[in-house]
Amino acid sequence: MPYDQSMMSLISRVFGFVARRIIKVILPYFYSTPFIYGQHKVTIGSNSNLANTYVNARSGTVSIGNDVIFGNNVCILTGLHDYSKLDSYRATVETAERDIVIEDNVWIATGAIVIGKVTIGKNAVVAAGSVVTKDVPAGVMVAGVPAKIIKELS
């Protein structure tokens, strides 16, 4: 289960059966529902699991291939703001073309951040907590901030 059993036990003792049922139905929703901002600019291939990935396609398109796996809390960001503005509202630059392409059979582990404009090649692995700011070749593992190749996969 994606939540702490001791917390479940405490809530159960305090609120009883009803609370247990509510938690079992509602809590997994927060661990498995992606949030996609700019849905009309996102394509997702077959058999790809987004978990609770956050996708912001406001400043570009996002193309996700087949059989792509996302860990929890992954962020896919095309967003670009005009930081030169001095007022409190820094508008999104929707024409920035910061497209992100994630090819087939890629695994992006928990907490990774992908910032466009990048392509992640087939069979690549992005390690947990990595920040991808440049293209990732096919068949490699990247890790770190910023992400760098740490291993070629066979």
C-alpha atoms as a PDB file:
ATOM      1  CA  MET A   1       0.000   0.000   0.000  1.00  0.00           C
ATOM      2  CA  PRO A   2       1.254   3.513  -0.770  1.00  0.00           C
ATOM      3  CA  TYR A   3       0.469   4.822   2.716  1.00  0.00           C
ATOM      4  CA  ASP A   4       1.788   4.204   6.221  1.00  0.00           C
ATOM      5  CA  GLN A   5       0.032   1.283   7.958  1.00  0.00           C
ATOM      6  CA  SER A   6       0.535   2.825  11.417  1.00  0.00           C
ATOM      7  CA  MET A   7      -1.355   5.942  10.267  1.00  0.00           C
ATOM      8  CA  MET A   8      -4.115   3.694   8.909  1.00  0.00           C
ATOM      9  CA  SER A   9      -4.302   1.927  12.269  1.00  0.00           C
ATOM     10  CA  LEU A  10      -4.560   5.190  14.198  1.00  0.00           C
ATOM     11  CA  ILE A  11      -7.258   6.577  11.902  1.00  0.00           C
ATOM     12  CA  SER A  12      -9.149   3.287  12.121  1.00  0.00           C
ATOM     13  CA  ARG A  13      -9.171   3.370  15.901  1.00  0.00           C
ATOM     14  CA  VAL A  14     -10.340   6.968  15.962  1.00  0.00           C
ATOM     15  CA  PHE A  15     -12.880   6.920  13.133  1.00  0.00           C
ATOM     16  CA  GLY A  16     -13.618   3.236  12.655  1.00  0.00           C
ATOM     17  CA  PHE A  17     -14.766   1.270   9.626  1.00  0.00           C
ATOM     18  CA  VAL A  18     -16.019   4.241   7.583  1.00  0.00           C
ATOM     19  CA  ALA A  19     -12.617   5.920   7.666  1.00  0.00           C
ATOM     20  CA  ARG A  20     -10.879   2.705   6.581  1.00  0.00           C
ATOM     21  CA  ARG A  21     -13.160   2.404   3.564  1.00  0.00           C
ATOM     22  CA  ILE A  22     -12.715   6.060   2.577  1.00  0.00           C
ATOM     23  CA  ILE A  23      -8.922   5.857   2.816  1.00  0.00           C
ATOM     24  CA  LYS A  24      -8.745   2.654   0.771  1.00  0.00           C
ATOM     25  CA  VAL A  25     -10.821   4.236  -1.997  1.00  0.00           C
ATOM     26  CA  ILE A  26      -9.534   7.830  -2.064  1.00  0.00           C
ATOM     27  CA  LEU A  27      -5.852   7.714  -1.059  1.00  0.00           C
ATOM     28  CA  PRO A  28      -4.632   5.533  -3.956  1.00  0.00           C
ATOM     29  CA  TYR A  29      -6.182   8.090  -6.337  1.00  0.00           C
ATOM     30  CA  PHE A  30      -3.549  10.646  -5.275  1.00  0.00           C
ATOM     31  CA  TYR A  31      -0.740   8.184  -5.990  1.00  0.00           C
ATOM     32  CA  SER A  32      -1.960   7.113  -9.414  1.00  0.00           C
ATOM     33  CA  THR A  33      -3.610  10.036 -11.197  1.00  0.00           C
ATOM     34  CA  PRO A  34      -1.505  12.147 -13.560  1.00  0.00           C
ATOM     35  CA  PHE A  35      -2.117  15.872 -13.923  1.00  0.00           C
ATOM     36  CA  ILE A  36      -1.830  17.065 -17.514  1.00  0.00           C
ATOM     37  CA  TYR A  37      -1.853  20.793 -18.236  1.00  0.00           C
ATOM     38  CA  GLY A  38      -2.332  21.471 -21.943  1.00  0.00           C
ATOM     39  CA  GLN A  39      -3.901  18.098 -22.803  1.00  0.00           C
ATOM     40  CA  HIS A  40      -4.384  18.990 -26.459  1.00  0.00           C
ATOM     41  CA  LYS A  41      -0.569  19.141 -26.834  1.00  0.00           C
ATOM     42  CA  VAL A  42       0.141  15.730 -25.280  1.00  0.00           C
ATOM     43  CA  THR A  43       0.203  12.331 -27.020  1.00  0.00           C
ATOM     44  CA  ILE A  44       0.636   9.098 -25.098  1.00  0.00           C
ATOM     45  CA  GLY A  45       1.507   5.749 -26.671  1.00  0.00           C
ATOM     46  CA  SER A  46       0.041   2.396 -25.751  1.00  0.00           C
ATOM     47  CA  ASN A  47       0.835   0.628 -22.510  1.00  0.00           C
ATOM     48  CA  SER A  48       2.460   3.713 -20.934  1.00  0.00           C
ATOM     49  CA  ASN A  49       1.880   4.273 -17.220  1.00  0.00           C
ATOM     50  CA  LEU A  50       2.028   7.877 -16.036  1.00  0.00           C
ATOM     51  CA  ALA A  51       1.389   7.177 -12.323  1.00  0.00           C
ATOM     52  CA  ASN A  52       0.926  10.632 -10.737  1.00  0.00           C
ATOM     53  CA  THR A  53       3.143  12.447 -13.222  1.00  0.00           C
ATOM     54  CA  TYR A  54       2.714  16.210 -13.676  1.00  0.00           C
ATOM     55  CA  VAL A  55       2.840  17.214 -17.348  1.00  0.00           C
ATOM     56  CA  ASN A  56       2.951  20.906 -18.318  1.00  0.00           C
ATOM     57  CA  ALA A  57       2.633  21.268 -22.085  1.00  0.00           C
ATOM     58  CA  ARG A  58       1.918  24.989 -22.118  1.00  0.00           C
ATOM     59  CA  SER A  59       5.057  26.027 -24.037  1.00  0.00           C
ATOM     60  CA  GLY A  60       5.443  23.002 -26.300  1.00  0.00           C
ATOM     61  CA  THR A  61       4.219  19.525 -27.115  1.00  0.00           C
ATOM     62  CA  VAL A  62       4.859  16.326 -25.184  1.00  0.00           C
ATOM     63  CA  SER A  63       5.079  13.025 -27.035  1.00  0.00           C
ATOM     64  CA  ILE A  64       5.267   9.862 -24.922  1.00  0.00           C
ATOM     65  CA  GLY A  65       6.012   6.611 -26.730  1.00  0.00           C
ATOM     66  CA  ASN A  66       4.851   3.052 -26.091  1.00  0.00           C
ATOM     67  CA  ASP A  67       5.677   1.092 -22.934  1.00  0.00           C
ATOM     68  CA  VAL A  68       6.989   4.102 -21.010  1.00  0.00           C
ATOM     69  CA  ILE A  69       7.078   3.823 -17.215  1.00  0.00           C
ATOM     70  CA  PHE A  70       6.958   6.805 -14.856  1.00  0.00           C
ATOM     71  CA  GLY A  71       7.704   6.660 -11.144  1.00  0.00           C
ATOM     72  CA  ASN A  72       5.755   8.780  -8.684  1.00  0.00           C
ATOM     73  CA  ASN A  73       6.073  12.562  -8.688  1.00  0.00           C
ATOM     74  CA  VAL A  74       7.775  12.906 -12.067  1.00  0.00           C
ATOM     75  CA  CYS A  75       7.505  16.361 -13.693  1.00  0.00           C
ATOM     76  CA  ILE A  76       7.522  16.885 -17.470  1.00  0.00           C
ATOM     77  CA  LEU A  77       7.865  20.622 -18.084  1.00  0.00           C
ATOM     78  CA  THR A  78       7.751  22.584 -21.316  1.00  0.00           C
ATOM     79  CA  GLY A  79       6.874  25.776 -19.482  1.00  0.00           C
ATOM     80  CA  LEU A  80       8.805  28.952 -20.093  1.00  0.00           C
ATOM     81  CA  HIS A  81       8.064  32.297 -18.479  1.00  0.00           C
ATOM     82  CA  ASP A  82       9.288  35.727 -19.441  1.00  0.00           C
ATOM     83  CA  TYR A  83      11.508  36.391 -16.432  1.00  0.00           C
ATOM     84  CA  SER A  84      12.412  39.848 -17.742  1.00  0.00           C
ATOM     85  CA  LYS A  85       9.007  41.188 -16.708  1.00  0.00           C
ATOM     86  CA  LEU A  86       9.203  43.290 -13.592  1.00  0.00           C
ATOM     87  CA  ASP A  87       5.593  42.940 -12.526  1.00  0.00           C
ATOM     88  CA  SER A  88       4.301  40.054 -10.450  1.00  0.00           C
ATOM     89  CA  TYR A  89       2.755  38.290 -13.475  1.00  0.00           C
ATOM     90  CA  ARG A  90       5.327  36.732 -15.741  1.00  0.00           C
ATOM     91  CA  ALA A  91       3.365  35.387 -18.662  1.00  0.00           C
ATOM     92  CA  THR A  92       3.959  31.940 -20.104  1.00  0.00           C
ATOM     93  CA  VAL A  93       5.587  32.008 -23.514  1.00  0.00           C
ATOM     94  CA  GLU A  94       3.254  29.640 -25.349  1.00  0.00           C
ATOM     95  CA  THR A  95       5.183  29.826 -28.618  1.00  0.00           C
ATOM     96  CA  ALA A  96       8.512  28.727 -27.125  1.00  0.00           C
ATOM     97  CA  GLU A  97       8.438  25.303 -28.867  1.00  0.00           C
ATOM     98  CA  ARG A  98      10.070  23.555 -25.915  1.00  0.00           C
ATOM     99  CA  ASP A  99       8.888  20.149 -27.101  1.00  0.00           C
ATOM    100  CA  ILE A 100       9.631  16.975 -25.161  1.00  0.00           C
ATOM    101  CA  VAL A 101       9.854  13.594 -26.889  1.00  0.00           C
ATOM    102  CA  ILE A 102      10.037  10.441 -24.789  1.00  0.00           C
ATOM    103  CA  GLU A 103      10.619   7.456 -27.041  1.00  0.00           C
ATOM    104  CA  ASP A 104       9.520   3.826 -26.534  1.00  0.00           C
ATOM    105  CA  ASN A 105      10.438   1.680 -23.530  1.00  0.00           C
ATOM    106  CA  VAL A 106      11.824   4.513 -21.384  1.00  0.00           C
ATOM    107  CA  TRP A 107      11.766   4.389 -17.595  1.00  0.00           C
ATOM    108  CA  ILE A 108      11.689   7.717 -15.736  1.00  0.00           C
ATOM    109  CA  ALA A 109      12.107   7.009 -12.017  1.00  0.00           C
ATOM    110  CA  THR A 110      10.534   8.709  -9.006  1.00  0.00           C
ATOM    111  CA  GLY A 111      11.006  12.437  -8.590  1.00  0.00           C
ATOM    112  CA  ALA A 112      12.768  13.037 -11.890  1.00  0.00           C
ATOM    113  CA  ILE A 113      12.214  16.325 -13.726  1.00  0.00           C
ATOM    114  CA  VAL A 114      12.375  16.630 -17.505  1.00  0.00           C
ATOM    115  CA  ILE A 115      12.697  20.203 -18.826  1.00  0.00           C
ATOM    116  CA  GLY A 116      12.164  20.809 -22.551  1.00  0.00           C
ATOM    117  CA  LYS A 117      13.397  21.027 -25.185  1.00  0.00           C
ATOM    118  CA  VAL A 118      14.709  17.457 -24.990  1.00  0.00           C
ATOM    119  CA  THR A 119      14.399  13.982 -26.484  1.00  0.00           C
ATOM    120  CA  ILE A 120      14.849  10.881 -24.357  1.00  0.00           C
ATOM    121  CA  GLY A 121      15.897   7.991 -26.606  1.00  0.00           C
ATOM    122  CA  LYS A 122      14.526   4.428 -26.732  1.00  0.00           C
ATOM    123  CA  ASN A 123      15.292   2.103 -23.825  1.00  0.00           C
ATOM    124  CA  ALA A 124      16.832   4.909 -21.744  1.00  0.00           C
ATOM    125  CA  VAL A 125      16.539   5.094 -17.954  1.00  0.00           C
ATOM    126  CA  VAL A 126      16.361   8.347 -15.988  1.00  0.00           C
ATOM    127  CA  ALA A 127      17.386   7.742 -12.354  1.00  0.00           C
ATOM    128  CA  ALA A 128      15.306   8.941  -9.419  1.00  0.00           C
ATOM    129  CA  GLY A 129      15.640  12.638  -8.628  1.00  0.00           C
ATOM    130  CA  SER A 130      17.474  13.485 -11.844  1.00  0.00           C
ATOM    131  CA  VAL A 131      16.936  16.712 -13.774  1.00  0.00           C
ATOM    132  CA  VAL A 132      17.047  16.217 -17.545  1.00  0.00           C
ATOM    133  CA  THR A 133      17.902  19.399 -19.451  1.00  0.00           C
ATOM    134  CA  LYS A 134      19.631  17.928 -22.531  1.00  0.00           C
ATOM    135  CA  ASP A 135      18.915  15.096 -24.946  1.00  0.00           C
ATOM    136  CA  VAL A 136      19.382  11.551 -23.621  1.00  0.00           C
ATOM    137  CA  PRO A 137      20.685   9.026 -26.180  1.00  0.00           C
ATOM    138  CA  ALA A 138      18.997   5.655 -26.636  1.00  0.00           C
ATOM    139  CA  GLY A 139      20.065   2.809 -24.380  1.00  0.00           C
ATOM    140  CA  VAL A 140      21.740   4.721 -21.563  1.00  0.00           C
ATOM    141  CA  MET A 141      21.081   5.476 -17.905  1.00  0.00           C
ATOM    142  CA  VAL A 142      21.340   9.093 -16.770  1.00  0.00           C
ATOM    143  CA  ALA A 143      21.449  10.449 -13.238  1.00  0.00           C
ATOM    144  CA  GLY A 144      22.164  13.632 -11.350  1.00  0.00           C
ATOM    145  CA  VAL A 145      21.453  17.329 -11.452  1.00  0.00           C
ATOM    146  CA  PRO A 146      21.844  18.020 -14.282  1.00  0.00           C
ATOM    147  CA  ALA A 147      21.477  14.472 -15.608  1.00  0.00           C
ATOM    148  CA  LYS A 148      24.594  12.918 -17.107  1.00  0.00           C
ATOM    149  CA  ILE A 149      25.214   9.509 -18.648  1.00  0.00           C
ATOM    150  CA  ILE A 150      26.377   7.083 -15.970  1.00  0.00           C
ATOM    151  CA  LYS A 151      25.965   3.782 -17.766  1.00  0.00           C
ATOM    152  CA  GLU A 152      25.369   2.291 -21.184  1.00  0.00           C
ATOM    153  CA  LEU A 153      22.675  -0.363 -21.105  1.00  0.00           C
ATOM    154  CA  SER A 154      23.023  -3.566 -23.117  1.00  0.00           C
END
